[in-house]
Amino acid sequence: MRSSESTRISRQFEQLADLLKLEETPKVIECFDISHTSGNKTVASCVVFDPSGPVKSRYRRYNLDGFEPGDDYAAMREVMTRRYQKLQKEEAQLPDLILVDGGKGQLGIAVDVLSECGLGDIPVMGVAKGPSRRAGYEEWVLPVAPYSLQPGPECAASHLVQKIRDEAHRFGLLYNIKLRTLK
């Protein structure tokens, strides 16, 4: 069972690379999500997937502060800066593709941070809720032409992106709930 799941995910990675016109199939994908309660108790999650599935030992959670409550752009800037400065300092493995939960604004922040860190060659993509806000109809926001894709619910790569994004949501939300209940 695990072998067939791994094969399916590996194929989804390949299809994602084709759709994004990447030179190589990613070996590591990281995804960021910002979570807060009405702008307060802002946290971020970073989940990591490889072609065999989630790599939970590399998941990270971040407490974020020092900016206006509810400022998701500042939160994205802080978490990505912390993450990639630390990975560079430790000479740790960097991702081959980065997903950020959000649209043009979050994507712009991600592109800026990667550039500032000297990592502008890592492909990055925003995952925005589609017009219907239904799963599978998300818009993929890209920093280069065609600037956006909507592969739809029948696309295997769309299932992968949805799974990764949903895992980042789940991981961040659970941490946010944990912090609220620790009062």
C-alpha atoms as a PDB file:
ATOM      1  CA  MET A   1       0.000   0.000   0.000  1.00  0.00           C
ATOM      2  CA  ARG A   2       2.722   2.501   0.992  1.00  0.00           C
ATOM      3  CA  SER A   3       4.632   1.732  -2.215  1.00  0.00           C
ATOM      4  CA  SER A   4       1.664   2.526  -4.471  1.00  0.00           C
ATOM      5  CA  GLU A   5       1.006   5.766  -2.531  1.00  0.00           C
ATOM      6  CA  SER A   6       4.647   6.739  -2.970  1.00  0.00           C
ATOM      7  CA  THR A   7       4.465   6.004  -6.709  1.00  0.00           C
ATOM      8  CA  ARG A   8       1.306   8.126  -7.017  1.00  0.00           C
ATOM      9  CA  ILE A   9       2.883  11.064  -5.195  1.00  0.00           C
ATOM     10  CA  SER A  10       6.030  10.733  -7.292  1.00  0.00           C
ATOM     11  CA  ARG A  11       3.919  10.983 -10.470  1.00  0.00           C
ATOM     12  CA  GLN A  12       2.146  14.030  -9.053  1.00  0.00           C
ATOM     13  CA  PHE A  13       5.557  15.667  -8.464  1.00  0.00           C
ATOM     14  CA  GLU A  14       6.458  14.980 -12.113  1.00  0.00           C
ATOM     15  CA  GLN A  15       3.189  16.430 -13.406  1.00  0.00           C
ATOM     16  CA  LEU A  16       3.622  19.507 -11.203  1.00  0.00           C
ATOM     17  CA  ALA A  17       7.107  20.045 -12.666  1.00  0.00           C
ATOM     18  CA  ASP A  18       5.664  19.769 -16.181  1.00  0.00           C
ATOM     19  CA  LEU A  19       2.844  22.241 -15.493  1.00  0.00           C
ATOM     20  CA  LEU A  20       5.237  24.752 -13.921  1.00  0.00           C
ATOM     21  CA  LYS A  21       7.807  24.167 -16.672  1.00  0.00           C
ATOM     22  CA  LEU A  22      10.528  23.399 -14.129  1.00  0.00           C
ATOM     23  CA  GLU A  23      13.847  22.121 -15.458  1.00  0.00           C
ATOM     24  CA  GLU A  24      13.816  19.232 -12.987  1.00  0.00           C
ATOM     25  CA  THR A  25      11.205  17.442 -10.895  1.00  0.00           C
ATOM     26  CA  PRO A  26      11.380  18.805  -7.334  1.00  0.00           C
ATOM     27  CA  LYS A  27      12.860  16.520  -4.706  1.00  0.00           C
ATOM     28  CA  VAL A  28      11.674  18.725  -1.827  1.00  0.00           C
ATOM     29  CA  ILE A  29       8.657  21.035  -1.634  1.00  0.00           C
ATOM     30  CA  GLU A  30       8.067  23.358   1.315  1.00  0.00           C
ATOM     31  CA  CYS A  31       4.767  25.114   1.986  1.00  0.00           C
ATOM     32  CA  PHE A  32       4.068  28.040   4.327  1.00  0.00           C
ATOM     33  CA  ASP A  33       0.802  29.042   5.949  1.00  0.00           C
ATOM     34  CA  ILE A  34       0.000  31.879   8.362  1.00  0.00           C
ATOM     35  CA  SER A  35      -2.582  31.293  11.088  1.00  0.00           C
ATOM     36  CA  HIS A  36      -4.016  33.704  13.651  1.00  0.00           C
ATOM     37  CA  THR A  37      -7.092  34.335  15.738  1.00  0.00           C
ATOM     38  CA  SER A  38      -8.702  37.599  14.620  1.00  0.00           C
ATOM     39  CA  GLY A  39      -5.207  38.928  13.951  1.00  0.00           C
ATOM     40  CA  ASN A  40      -3.800  37.822  17.317  1.00  0.00           C
ATOM     41  CA  LYS A  41      -1.537  34.918  18.283  1.00  0.00           C
ATOM     42  CA  THR A  42       0.004  34.802  14.817  1.00  0.00           C
ATOM     43  CA  VAL A  43       1.846  31.601  13.997  1.00  0.00           C
ATOM     44  CA  ALA A  44       3.245  30.130  10.827  1.00  0.00           C
ATOM     45  CA  SER A  45       3.720  26.591   9.679  1.00  0.00           C
ATOM     46  CA  CYS A  46       6.187  25.124   7.230  1.00  0.00           C
ATOM     47  CA  VAL A  47       5.525  21.605   5.985  1.00  0.00           C
ATOM     48  CA  VAL A  48       7.872  19.579   3.813  1.00  0.00           C
ATOM     49  CA  PHE A  49       7.046  16.945   1.199  1.00  0.00           C
ATOM     50  CA  ASP A  50       9.252  14.785  -0.973  1.00  0.00           C
ATOM     51  CA  PRO A  51       8.180  12.320  -3.690  1.00  0.00           C
ATOM     52  CA  SER A  52       7.345   9.712  -1.063  1.00  0.00           C
ATOM     53  CA  GLY A  53       5.039  12.057   0.898  1.00  0.00           C
ATOM     54  CA  PRO A  54       5.201  14.256   4.010  1.00  0.00           C
ATOM     55  CA  VAL A  55       8.554  14.562   5.812  1.00  0.00           C
ATOM     56  CA  LYS A  56       7.185  15.316   9.273  1.00  0.00           C
ATOM     57  CA  SER A  57      10.608  15.432  10.918  1.00  0.00           C
ATOM     58  CA  ARG A  58      11.272  18.606   8.888  1.00  0.00           C
ATOM     59  CA  TYR A  59       7.985  20.360   9.715  1.00  0.00           C
ATOM     60  CA  ARG A  60       8.414  23.614  11.644  1.00  0.00           C
ATOM     61  CA  ARG A  61       6.123  25.968  13.603  1.00  0.00           C
ATOM     62  CA  TYR A  62       6.875  29.616  14.304  1.00  0.00           C
ATOM     63  CA  ASN A  63       5.562  32.126  16.821  1.00  0.00           C
ATOM     64  CA  LEU A  64       5.444  35.487  15.090  1.00  0.00           C
ATOM     65  CA  ASP A  65       5.225  39.011  16.478  1.00  0.00           C
ATOM     66  CA  GLY A  66       6.613  42.504  16.052  1.00  0.00           C
ATOM     67  CA  PHE A  67       4.124  43.673  13.438  1.00  0.00           C
ATOM     68  CA  GLU A  68       0.505  44.821  13.228  1.00  0.00           C
ATOM     69  CA  PRO A  69      -1.929  42.058  14.194  1.00  0.00           C
ATOM     70  CA  GLY A  70      -3.421  40.466  11.092  1.00  0.00           C
ATOM     71  CA  ASP A  71      -0.597  41.618   8.772  1.00  0.00           C
ATOM     72  CA  ASP A  72      -0.167  38.369   6.848  1.00  0.00           C
ATOM     73  CA  TYR A  73       2.416  39.942   4.538  1.00  0.00           C
ATOM     74  CA  ALA A  74       4.700  40.898   7.444  1.00  0.00           C
ATOM     75  CA  ALA A  75       4.137  37.456   8.964  1.00  0.00           C
ATOM     76  CA  MET A  76       5.111  35.758   5.691  1.00  0.00           C
ATOM     77  CA  ARG A  77       8.207  37.945   5.433  1.00  0.00           C
ATOM     78  CA  GLU A  78       9.270  37.088   8.989  1.00  0.00           C
ATOM     79  CA  VAL A  79       8.770  33.327   8.749  1.00  0.00           C
ATOM     80  CA  MET A  80      10.447  32.953   5.365  1.00  0.00           C
ATOM     81  CA  THR A  81      13.388  35.149   6.364  1.00  0.00           C
ATOM     82  CA  ARG A  82      13.913  33.157   9.560  1.00  0.00           C
ATOM     83  CA  ARG A  83      13.561  29.830   7.761  1.00  0.00           C
ATOM     84  CA  TYR A  84      15.956  30.465   4.902  1.00  0.00           C
ATOM     85  CA  GLN A  85      18.575  32.381   6.870  1.00  0.00           C
ATOM     86  CA  LYS A  86      18.731  29.451   9.284  1.00  0.00           C
ATOM     87  CA  LEU A  87      18.901  26.810   6.530  1.00  0.00           C
ATOM     88  CA  GLN A  88      21.713  28.738   4.848  1.00  0.00           C
ATOM     89  CA  LYS A  89      23.620  29.193   8.113  1.00  0.00           C
ATOM     90  CA  GLU A  90      23.345  25.456   8.841  1.00  0.00           C
ATOM     91  CA  GLU A  91      24.098  24.613   5.194  1.00  0.00           C
ATOM     92  CA  ALA A  92      20.971  22.460   5.301  1.00  0.00           C
ATOM     93  CA  GLN A  93      19.029  21.150   2.326  1.00  0.00           C
ATOM     94  CA  LEU A  94      17.016  23.834   0.581  1.00  0.00           C
ATOM     95  CA  PRO A  95      13.698  23.125  -1.153  1.00  0.00           C
ATOM     96  CA  ASP A  96      13.376  22.762  -4.913  1.00  0.00           C
ATOM     97  CA  LEU A  97       9.946  24.435  -4.899  1.00  0.00           C
ATOM     98  CA  ILE A  98       8.207  26.687  -2.375  1.00  0.00           C
ATOM     99  CA  LEU A  99       4.438  27.061  -2.025  1.00  0.00           C
ATOM    100  CA  VAL A 100       2.861  29.911  -0.077  1.00  0.00           C
ATOM    101  CA  ASP A 101      -0.766  29.953   0.940  1.00  0.00           C
ATOM    102  CA  GLY A 102      -2.123  33.107  -0.639  1.00  0.00           C
ATOM    103  CA  GLY A 103      -2.240  35.138  -3.788  1.00  0.00           C
ATOM    104  CA  LYS A 104      -0.171  37.861  -5.459  1.00  0.00           C
ATOM    105  CA  GLY A 105       0.674  39.700  -2.227  1.00  0.00           C
ATOM    106  CA  GLN A 106       2.057  36.679  -0.388  1.00  0.00           C
ATOM    107  CA  LEU A 107       3.843  35.541  -3.539  1.00  0.00           C
ATOM    108  CA  GLY A 108       5.453  38.967  -3.923  1.00  0.00           C
ATOM    109  CA  ILE A 109       6.731  38.811  -0.351  1.00  0.00           C
ATOM    110  CA  ALA A 110       8.117  35.308  -0.936  1.00  0.00           C
ATOM    111  CA  VAL A 111       9.915  36.392  -4.110  1.00  0.00           C
ATOM    112  CA  ASP A 112      11.402  39.406  -2.283  1.00  0.00           C
ATOM    113  CA  VAL A 113      12.614  37.346   0.683  1.00  0.00           C
ATOM    114  CA  LEU A 114      14.184  34.700  -1.527  1.00  0.00           C
ATOM    115  CA  SER A 115      15.943  37.384  -3.532  1.00  0.00           C
ATOM    116  CA  GLU A 116      17.199  39.105  -0.358  1.00  0.00           C
ATOM    117  CA  CYS A 117      18.544  35.744   0.872  1.00  0.00           C
ATOM    118  CA  GLY A 118      20.294  35.073  -2.440  1.00  0.00           C
ATOM    119  CA  LEU A 119      17.868  32.237  -3.206  1.00  0.00           C
ATOM    120  CA  GLY A 120      15.995  33.855  -6.075  1.00  0.00           C
ATOM    121  CA  ASP A 121      16.556  30.797  -8.254  1.00  0.00           C
ATOM    122  CA  ILE A 122      14.214  28.625  -6.135  1.00  0.00           C
ATOM    123  CA  PRO A 123      10.813  28.442  -7.877  1.00  0.00           C
ATOM    124  CA  VAL A 124       7.915  29.734  -5.796  1.00  0.00           C
ATOM    125  CA  MET A 125       4.163  29.622  -6.268  1.00  0.00           C
ATOM    126  CA  GLY A 126       1.171  31.103  -4.439  1.00  0.00           C
ATOM    127  CA  VAL A 127      -1.919  28.971  -3.871  1.00  0.00           C
ATOM    128  CA  ALA A 128      -5.003  31.205  -3.779  1.00  0.00           C
ATOM    129  CA  LYS A 129      -8.574  30.173  -3.189  1.00  0.00           C
ATOM    130  CA  GLY A 130     -10.411  30.002  -6.480  1.00  0.00           C
ATOM    131  CA  PRO A 131     -13.552  31.986  -7.245  1.00  0.00           C
ATOM    132  CA  SER A 132     -15.800  29.259  -5.870  1.00  0.00           C
ATOM    133  CA  ARG A 133     -13.519  28.644  -2.824  1.00  0.00           C
ATOM    134  CA  ARG A 134     -14.024  24.936  -3.547  1.00  0.00           C
ATOM    135  CA  ALA A 135     -11.202  22.442  -3.167  1.00  0.00           C
ATOM    136  CA  GLY A 136      -9.570  21.653  -6.476  1.00  0.00           C
ATOM    137  CA  TYR A 137     -10.396  25.012  -8.032  1.00  0.00           C
ATOM    138  CA  GLU A 138      -7.486  26.925  -6.507  1.00  0.00           C
ATOM    139  CA  GLU A 139      -5.552  29.434  -8.558  1.00  0.00           C
ATOM    140  CA  TRP A 140      -1.813  28.894  -8.768  1.00  0.00           C
ATOM    141  CA  VAL A 141      -0.170  32.324  -8.790  1.00  0.00           C
ATOM    142  CA  LEU A 142       3.244  32.487 -10.453  1.00  0.00           C
ATOM    143  CA  PRO A 143       5.916  35.212 -10.550  1.00  0.00           C
ATOM    144  CA  VAL A 144       6.472  34.679 -14.300  1.00  0.00           C
ATOM    145  CA  ALA A 145       4.222  34.224 -17.335  1.00  0.00           C
ATOM    146  CA  PRO A 146       1.603  32.803 -17.514  1.00  0.00           C
ATOM    147  CA  TYR A 147       1.279  34.321 -13.978  1.00  0.00           C
ATOM    148  CA  SER A 148      -1.593  32.045 -13.046  1.00  0.00           C
ATOM    149  CA  LEU A 149      -2.854  28.527 -13.647  1.00  0.00           C
ATOM    150  CA  GLN A 150      -6.060  26.782 -12.670  1.00  0.00           C
ATOM    151  CA  PRO A 151      -5.431  23.088 -13.349  1.00  0.00           C
ATOM    152  CA  GLY A 152      -8.791  22.032 -11.891  1.00  0.00           C
ATOM    153  CA  PRO A 153      -9.911  19.126  -9.732  1.00  0.00           C
ATOM    154  CA  GLU A 154      -9.154  16.407 -12.299  1.00  0.00           C
ATOM    155  CA  CYS A 155      -5.431  17.257 -12.370  1.00  0.00           C
ATOM    156  CA  ALA A 156      -3.198  14.956 -10.293  1.00  0.00           C
ATOM    157  CA  ALA A 157      -0.741  17.791  -9.593  1.00  0.00           C
ATOM    158  CA  SER A 158      -3.656  19.860  -8.293  1.00  0.00           C
ATOM    159  CA  HIS A 159      -4.408  17.098  -5.783  1.00  0.00           C
ATOM    160  CA  LEU A 160      -0.781  17.211  -4.626  1.00  0.00           C
ATOM    161  CA  VAL A 161      -0.768  20.993  -4.185  1.00  0.00           C
ATOM    162  CA  GLN A 162      -4.095  20.817  -2.353  1.00  0.00           C
ATOM    163  CA  LYS A 163      -2.794  18.070  -0.059  1.00  0.00           C
ATOM    164  CA  ILE A 164       0.373  20.014   0.787  1.00  0.00           C
ATOM    165  CA  ARG A 165      -1.514  23.278   1.347  1.00  0.00           C
ATOM    166  CA  ASP A 166      -4.141  21.542   3.499  1.00  0.00           C
ATOM    167  CA  GLU A 167      -1.379  19.943   5.586  1.00  0.00           C
ATOM    168  CA  ALA A 168       0.210  23.369   6.150  1.00  0.00           C
ATOM    169  CA  HIS A 169      -3.222  24.696   7.224  1.00  0.00           C
ATOM    170  CA  ARG A 170      -3.782  21.764   9.572  1.00  0.00           C
ATOM    171  CA  PHE A 171      -0.330  21.980  11.145  1.00  0.00           C
ATOM    172  CA  GLY A 172      -0.549  25.749  11.689  1.00  0.00           C
ATOM    173  CA  LEU A 173      -4.114  25.697  12.974  1.00  0.00           C
ATOM    174  CA  LEU A 174      -3.372  22.960  15.514  1.00  0.00           C
ATOM    175  CA  TYR A 175      -0.465  25.017  16.839  1.00  0.00           C
ATOM    176  CA  ASN A 176      -2.624  28.137  17.033  1.00  0.00           C
ATOM    177  CA  ILE A 177      -5.301  26.207  18.971  1.00  0.00           C
ATOM    178  CA  LYS A 178      -2.648  24.768  21.306  1.00  0.00           C
ATOM    179  CA  LEU A 179      -1.331  28.251  22.113  1.00  0.00           C
ATOM    180  CA  ARG A 180      -4.834  29.576  22.823  1.00  0.00           C
ATOM    181  CA  THR A 181      -5.612  26.718  25.209  1.00  0.00           C
ATOM    182  CA  LEU A 182      -2.355  27.120  27.152  1.00  0.00           C
ATOM    183  CA  LYS A 183      -3.518  30.416  28.701  1.00  0.00           C
END
